[in-house]
């Protein structure tokens, strides 16, 4: 059973930083695509960033480019999202997701992903 467990959320002032972690277990993730999505109250779930385990290619939403960095540690089966220069509009529940590598949908689509974590709350005060 694949499990994704997020951690690292919390409250921060605008301009601050947080690092989210997503620990993956129960599967062989070495070829998966791992993504981060977020959902604010009243909004749809939106793509933040994604990374391929093999090769490490990354993808970002325009709204976070230059501020957020996604990375992975294969030895720990963990994906990270380093968030810098946080803005109040970044506040949301952040979800980690895993997609099998042969999926044909773009990495930015939530429907591509097969497994989801429970989410971690990020609050940014102005």
N, C-alpha and C. Protein backbone atom coordinates (compact mmCIF):
# COMPACT_ATOMS: atom_id res chain seq x y z
N UNK A 1 0.84 -1.18 0.00
CA UNK A 1 0.00 0.00 0.00
C UNK A 1 0.89 1.25 0.00
N UNK A 2 0.73 2.05 -1.02
CA UNK A 2 1.52 3.27 -1.12
C UNK A 2 1.02 4.29 -0.10
N UNK A 3 1.96 4.88 0.59
CA UNK A 3 1.62 5.94 1.54
C UNK A 3 2.53 7.13 1.32
N UNK A 4 1.92 8.30 1.37
CA UNK A 4 2.64 9.56 1.29
C UNK A 4 2.31 10.36 2.53
N UNK A 5 3.33 10.78 3.25
CA UNK A 5 3.11 11.51 4.49
C UNK A 5 3.85 12.85 4.41
N UNK A 6 3.08 13.93 4.44
CA UNK A 6 3.66 15.26 4.39
C UNK A 6 3.96 15.76 5.79
N UNK A 7 4.93 16.63 5.88
CA UNK A 7 5.26 17.31 7.13
C UNK A 7 5.94 18.63 6.80
N UNK A 8 6.07 19.47 7.81
CA UNK A 8 6.80 20.72 7.64
C UNK A 8 5.94 21.95 7.50
N UNK A 9 4.63 21.77 7.45
CA UNK A 9 3.77 22.93 7.37
C UNK A 9 3.79 23.73 8.67
N UNK A 10 3.21 24.93 8.60
CA UNK A 10 3.16 25.76 9.79
C UNK A 10 2.79 27.18 9.44
N UNK A 11 3.03 28.07 10.38
CA UNK A 11 2.72 29.48 10.21
C UNK A 11 4.00 30.28 10.06
N UNK A 12 3.98 31.23 9.13
CA UNK A 12 5.15 32.05 8.88
C UNK A 12 4.70 33.42 8.43
N UNK A 13 5.52 34.40 8.64
CA UNK A 13 5.20 35.74 8.17
C UNK A 13 5.59 35.87 6.70
N UNK A 14 4.94 36.79 6.04
CA UNK A 14 5.26 37.05 4.64
C UNK A 14 6.75 37.35 4.49
N UNK A 15 7.34 36.76 3.46
CA UNK A 15 8.78 36.88 3.26
C UNK A 15 9.58 35.75 3.87
N UNK A 16 8.93 34.95 4.70
CA UNK A 16 9.62 33.86 5.36
C UNK A 16 9.71 32.62 4.50
N UNK A 17 10.24 31.55 5.12
CA UNK A 17 10.49 30.30 4.40
C UNK A 17 9.97 29.11 5.18
N UNK A 18 9.61 28.07 4.46
CA UNK A 18 9.27 26.78 5.03
C UNK A 18 9.78 25.69 4.10
N UNK A 19 10.07 24.52 4.65
CA UNK A 19 10.41 23.37 3.84
C UNK A 19 9.46 22.23 4.15
N UNK A 20 8.73 21.83 3.15
CA UNK A 20 7.82 20.70 3.29
C UNK A 20 8.53 19.41 2.88
N UNK A 21 8.16 18.34 3.56
CA UNK A 21 8.71 17.02 3.23
C UNK A 21 7.57 16.07 2.91
N UNK A 22 7.84 15.12 2.04
CA UNK A 22 6.87 14.08 1.69
C UNK A 22 7.61 12.75 1.72
N UNK A 23 7.33 11.96 2.72
CA UNK A 23 7.95 10.64 2.85
C UNK A 23 7.08 9.60 2.17
N UNK A 24 7.66 8.87 1.23
CA UNK A 24 6.92 7.87 0.45
C UNK A 24 7.29 6.47 0.91
N UNK A 25 6.30 5.61 0.99
CA UNK A 25 6.56 4.23 1.37
C UNK A 25 5.55 3.30 0.71
N UNK A 26 5.86 2.00 0.73
CA UNK A 26 4.92 1.01 0.22
C UNK A 26 4.98 0.78 -1.28
N UNK A 27 5.97 1.33 -1.93
CA UNK A 27 6.08 1.13 -3.37
C UNK A 27 7.49 1.38 -3.84
N UNK A 28 7.70 1.17 -5.11
CA UNK A 28 9.00 1.44 -5.72
C UNK A 28 8.87 2.76 -6.46
N UNK A 29 9.42 3.80 -5.90
CA UNK A 29 9.19 5.14 -6.42
C UNK A 29 10.30 5.62 -7.34
N UNK A 30 11.25 4.79 -7.60
CA UNK A 30 12.43 5.25 -8.32
C UNK A 30 12.12 5.78 -9.71
N UNK A 31 10.98 5.42 -10.28
CA UNK A 31 10.65 5.91 -11.61
C UNK A 31 9.40 6.79 -11.62
N UNK A 32 8.87 7.10 -10.45
CA UNK A 32 7.64 7.87 -10.39
C UNK A 32 7.87 9.36 -10.68
N UNK A 33 6.77 10.05 -10.88
CA UNK A 33 6.74 11.51 -10.88
C UNK A 33 6.08 11.93 -9.57
N UNK A 34 6.72 12.81 -8.86
CA UNK A 34 6.20 13.28 -7.59
C UNK A 34 5.80 14.75 -7.72
N UNK A 35 4.64 15.08 -7.20
CA UNK A 35 4.15 16.44 -7.33
C UNK A 35 3.71 17.04 -6.01
N UNK A 36 3.67 18.35 -6.00
CA UNK A 36 3.08 19.12 -4.90
C UNK A 36 1.93 19.94 -5.46
N UNK A 37 0.81 19.88 -4.77
CA UNK A 37 -0.35 20.68 -5.10
C UNK A 37 -0.79 21.42 -3.85
N UNK A 38 -1.62 22.44 -4.03
CA UNK A 38 -2.15 23.16 -2.88
C UNK A 38 -3.59 23.52 -3.14
N UNK A 39 -4.30 23.69 -2.02
CA UNK A 39 -5.71 24.04 -2.11
C UNK A 39 -6.05 24.99 -0.98
N UNK A 40 -6.49 26.18 -1.37
CA UNK A 40 -6.95 27.17 -0.41
C UNK A 40 -8.47 27.06 -0.30
N UNK A 41 -9.05 27.51 0.82
CA UNK A 41 -10.51 27.42 1.00
C UNK A 41 -11.25 28.08 -0.17
N UNK A 42 -12.21 27.36 -0.72
CA UNK A 42 -13.01 27.89 -1.80
C UNK A 42 -12.37 27.81 -3.18
N UNK A 43 -11.12 27.31 -3.21
CA UNK A 43 -10.41 27.20 -4.49
C UNK A 43 -10.23 25.74 -4.89
N UNK A 44 -9.99 25.55 -6.17
CA UNK A 44 -9.67 24.22 -6.64
C UNK A 44 -8.21 23.89 -6.29
N UNK A 45 -7.93 22.60 -6.28
CA UNK A 45 -6.56 22.17 -6.04
C UNK A 45 -5.70 22.61 -7.23
N UNK A 46 -4.57 23.23 -6.94
CA UNK A 46 -3.74 23.72 -8.02
C UNK A 46 -2.31 23.18 -7.94
N UNK A 47 -1.74 23.03 -9.08
CA UNK A 47 -0.38 22.52 -9.22
C UNK A 47 0.62 23.53 -8.69
N UNK A 48 1.64 23.00 -8.01
CA UNK A 48 2.72 23.84 -7.51
C UNK A 48 4.04 23.46 -8.19
N UNK A 49 4.42 22.19 -8.07
CA UNK A 49 5.70 21.74 -8.61
C UNK A 49 5.69 20.22 -8.75
N UNK A 50 6.58 19.71 -9.61
CA UNK A 50 6.72 18.27 -9.78
C UNK A 50 8.16 17.94 -10.12
N UNK A 51 8.52 16.69 -9.86
CA UNK A 51 9.88 16.24 -10.14
C UNK A 51 9.85 14.77 -10.55
N UNK A 52 10.70 14.41 -11.47
CA UNK A 52 10.86 13.01 -11.86
C UNK A 52 12.00 12.39 -11.05
N UNK A 53 11.72 11.23 -10.46
CA UNK A 53 12.77 10.57 -9.69
C UNK A 53 13.98 10.31 -10.57
N UNK A 54 13.76 9.79 -11.75
CA UNK A 54 14.86 9.51 -12.66
C UNK A 54 15.19 10.78 -13.44
N UNK A 55 16.40 11.24 -13.27
CA UNK A 55 16.84 12.42 -14.00
C UNK A 55 16.62 13.72 -13.26
N UNK A 56 15.60 13.75 -12.40
CA UNK A 56 15.37 14.94 -11.59
C UNK A 56 14.78 16.13 -12.31
N UNK A 57 14.18 15.90 -13.49
CA UNK A 57 13.58 17.04 -14.19
C UNK A 57 12.48 17.64 -13.33
N UNK A 58 12.42 18.96 -13.30
CA UNK A 58 11.45 19.66 -12.46
C UNK A 58 10.49 20.49 -13.28
N UNK A 59 9.34 20.74 -12.69
CA UNK A 59 8.28 21.52 -13.30
C UNK A 59 7.71 22.44 -12.22
N UNK A 60 7.37 23.67 -12.60
CA UNK A 60 6.86 24.62 -11.63
C UNK A 60 5.67 25.40 -12.20
N UNK A 61 4.77 25.75 -11.31
CA UNK A 61 3.74 26.72 -11.67
C UNK A 61 4.40 28.09 -11.79
N UNK A 62 3.88 28.90 -12.68
CA UNK A 62 4.46 30.24 -12.88
C UNK A 62 4.45 31.05 -11.58
N UNK A 63 3.44 30.84 -10.77
CA UNK A 63 3.28 31.64 -9.56
C UNK A 63 4.35 31.37 -8.51
N UNK A 64 5.08 30.26 -8.64
CA UNK A 64 6.09 29.93 -7.63
C UNK A 64 7.50 29.88 -8.19
N UNK A 65 7.65 30.03 -9.48
CA UNK A 65 8.99 29.98 -10.09
C UNK A 65 9.91 31.02 -9.47
N UNK A 66 11.12 30.59 -9.14
CA UNK A 66 12.08 31.49 -8.54
C UNK A 66 11.95 31.61 -7.03
N UNK A 67 10.87 31.09 -6.48
CA UNK A 67 10.67 31.16 -5.02
C UNK A 67 10.67 29.76 -4.38
N UNK A 68 10.10 28.80 -5.08
CA UNK A 68 9.99 27.43 -4.56
C UNK A 68 10.95 26.52 -5.31
N UNK A 69 11.47 25.52 -4.60
CA UNK A 69 12.35 24.54 -5.21
C UNK A 69 11.93 23.14 -4.76
N UNK A 70 11.70 22.27 -5.72
CA UNK A 70 11.37 20.88 -5.42
C UNK A 70 12.63 20.04 -5.60
N UNK A 71 12.81 19.08 -4.71
CA UNK A 71 13.98 18.20 -4.79
C UNK A 71 13.61 16.84 -4.23
N UNK A 72 14.49 15.85 -4.44
CA UNK A 72 14.20 14.53 -3.89
C UNK A 72 15.49 13.92 -3.36
N UNK A 73 15.28 13.05 -2.37
CA UNK A 73 16.37 12.28 -1.78
C UNK A 73 16.00 10.81 -1.98
N UNK A 74 16.62 10.20 -2.97
CA UNK A 74 16.26 8.83 -3.32
C UNK A 74 16.52 7.86 -2.18
N UNK A 75 17.59 8.07 -1.44
CA UNK A 75 17.93 7.17 -0.35
C UNK A 75 16.87 7.17 0.74
N UNK A 76 16.21 8.30 0.90
CA UNK A 76 15.17 8.43 1.94
C UNK A 76 13.77 8.32 1.38
N UNK A 77 13.64 8.16 0.07
CA UNK A 77 12.32 8.15 -0.58
C UNK A 77 11.50 9.35 -0.14
N UNK A 78 12.12 10.49 -0.14
CA UNK A 78 11.49 11.72 0.34
C UNK A 78 11.63 12.82 -0.69
N UNK A 79 10.56 13.56 -0.85
CA UNK A 79 10.54 14.72 -1.74
C UNK A 79 10.37 15.96 -0.88
N UNK A 80 11.04 17.02 -1.26
CA UNK A 80 11.00 18.27 -0.49
C UNK A 80 10.45 19.40 -1.34
N UNK A 81 9.87 20.36 -0.68
CA UNK A 81 9.47 21.60 -1.33
C UNK A 81 9.97 22.74 -0.46
N UNK A 82 11.05 23.37 -0.91
CA UNK A 82 11.59 24.53 -0.22
C UNK A 82 10.84 25.76 -0.71
N UNK A 83 10.23 26.47 0.22
CA UNK A 83 9.41 27.63 -0.13
C UNK A 83 10.03 28.86 0.49
N UNK A 84 10.47 29.77 -0.34
CA UNK A 84 11.06 31.03 0.11
C UNK A 84 10.20 32.20 -0.31
N UNK A 85 10.43 33.34 0.29
CA UNK A 85 9.69 34.57 -0.04
C UNK A 85 8.20 34.31 -0.07
N UNK A 86 7.71 33.68 0.95
CA UNK A 86 6.29 33.31 0.99
C UNK A 86 5.40 34.54 1.03
N UNK A 87 4.27 34.42 0.37
CA UNK A 87 3.28 35.49 0.29
C UNK A 87 1.99 35.01 0.94
N UNK A 88 1.15 35.93 1.37
CA UNK A 88 -0.14 35.51 1.95
C UNK A 88 -0.95 34.65 0.99
N UNK A 89 -0.83 34.90 -0.30
CA UNK A 89 -1.59 34.11 -1.27
C UNK A 89 -1.06 32.69 -1.44
N UNK A 90 0.09 32.38 -0.83
CA UNK A 90 0.60 31.00 -0.85
C UNK A 90 -0.08 30.12 0.20
N UNK A 91 -0.79 30.72 1.12
CA UNK A 91 -1.42 29.97 2.20
C UNK A 91 -2.43 28.97 1.65
N UNK A 92 -2.31 27.73 2.10
CA UNK A 92 -3.17 26.66 1.60
C UNK A 92 -2.81 25.37 2.32
N UNK A 93 -3.59 24.35 2.06
CA UNK A 93 -3.17 22.99 2.43
C UNK A 93 -2.36 22.45 1.26
N UNK A 94 -1.17 22.00 1.56
CA UNK A 94 -0.27 21.48 0.53
C UNK A 94 -0.32 19.95 0.55
N UNK A 95 -0.46 19.37 -0.64
CA UNK A 95 -0.57 17.93 -0.79
C UNK A 95 0.58 17.40 -1.63
N UNK A 96 1.10 16.27 -1.22
CA UNK A 96 2.07 15.53 -2.01
C UNK A 96 1.34 14.47 -2.81
N UNK A 97 1.81 14.20 -4.03
CA UNK A 97 1.17 13.22 -4.88
C UNK A 97 2.22 12.43 -5.66
N UNK A 98 1.86 11.20 -6.03
CA UNK A 98 2.76 10.34 -6.79
C UNK A 98 2.05 9.81 -8.02
N UNK A 99 2.77 9.82 -9.13
CA UNK A 99 2.21 9.37 -10.40
C UNK A 99 3.11 8.31 -11.01
N UNK A 100 2.50 7.25 -11.52
CA UNK A 100 3.28 6.25 -12.24
C UNK A 100 3.89 6.89 -13.48
N UNK A 101 5.07 6.43 -13.85
CA UNK A 101 5.84 7.16 -14.87
C UNK A 101 5.24 7.12 -16.27
N UNK A 102 4.39 6.13 -16.57
CA UNK A 102 3.90 6.02 -17.93
C UNK A 102 2.63 6.82 -18.18
N UNK A 103 2.16 7.56 -17.20
CA UNK A 103 0.95 8.37 -17.38
C UNK A 103 1.18 9.38 -18.50
N UNK A 104 0.15 9.62 -19.30
CA UNK A 104 0.29 10.50 -20.46
C UNK A 104 -0.15 11.92 -20.17
N UNK A 105 -0.84 12.14 -19.06
CA UNK A 105 -1.30 13.48 -18.74
C UNK A 105 -0.13 14.34 -18.28
N UNK A 106 -0.24 15.65 -18.47
CA UNK A 106 0.83 16.55 -18.03
C UNK A 106 1.07 16.48 -16.53
N UNK A 107 2.26 16.77 -16.13
CA UNK A 107 2.62 16.71 -14.72
C UNK A 107 1.83 17.71 -13.87
N UNK A 108 1.30 18.73 -14.49
CA UNK A 108 0.57 19.77 -13.77
C UNK A 108 -0.90 19.42 -13.49
N UNK A 109 -1.37 18.30 -13.99
CA UNK A 109 -2.77 17.93 -13.80
C UNK A 109 -2.93 16.98 -12.63
N UNK A 110 -3.82 17.33 -11.72
CA UNK A 110 -4.06 16.50 -10.54
C UNK A 110 -4.55 15.11 -10.94
N UNK A 111 -5.29 15.04 -12.01
CA UNK A 111 -5.86 13.75 -12.42
C UNK A 111 -4.80 12.76 -12.90
N UNK A 112 -3.57 13.23 -13.12
CA UNK A 112 -2.49 12.33 -13.49
C UNK A 112 -2.06 11.45 -12.33
N UNK A 113 -2.23 11.94 -11.12
CA UNK A 113 -1.61 11.34 -9.95
C UNK A 113 -2.47 10.24 -9.34
N UNK A 114 -1.80 9.18 -8.92
CA UNK A 114 -2.48 7.99 -8.41
C UNK A 114 -2.59 7.97 -6.89
N UNK A 115 -1.66 8.59 -6.22
CA UNK A 115 -1.62 8.53 -4.76
C UNK A 115 -1.46 9.94 -4.21
N UNK A 116 -2.09 10.15 -3.05
CA UNK A 116 -2.08 11.46 -2.41
C UNK A 116 -1.82 11.32 -0.93
N UNK A 117 -1.13 12.34 -0.39
CA UNK A 117 -0.98 12.43 1.05
C UNK A 117 -2.17 13.11 1.68
N UNK A 118 -2.12 13.25 2.99
CA UNK A 118 -3.25 13.82 3.73
C UNK A 118 -3.21 15.35 3.77
N UNK A 119 -2.09 15.93 3.42
CA UNK A 119 -1.98 17.38 3.37
C UNK A 119 -1.34 17.97 4.61
N UNK A 120 -0.72 19.12 4.43
CA UNK A 120 -0.14 19.86 5.55
C UNK A 120 -0.46 21.34 5.34
N UNK A 121 -0.87 21.99 6.42
CA UNK A 121 -1.34 23.37 6.34
C UNK A 121 -0.17 24.34 6.35
N UNK A 122 -0.23 25.31 5.44
CA UNK A 122 0.72 26.42 5.42
C UNK A 122 -0.07 27.71 5.57
N UNK A 123 0.29 28.49 6.57
CA UNK A 123 -0.35 29.78 6.83
C UNK A 123 0.69 30.87 6.71
N UNK A 124 0.36 31.92 5.97
CA UNK A 124 1.29 33.04 5.77
C UNK A 124 0.58 34.32 6.18
N UNK A 125 1.12 34.99 7.17
CA UNK A 125 0.51 36.23 7.66
C UNK A 125 1.23 37.43 7.07
N UNK A 126 0.45 38.47 6.82
CA UNK A 126 1.01 39.68 6.21
C UNK A 126 1.55 40.63 7.26
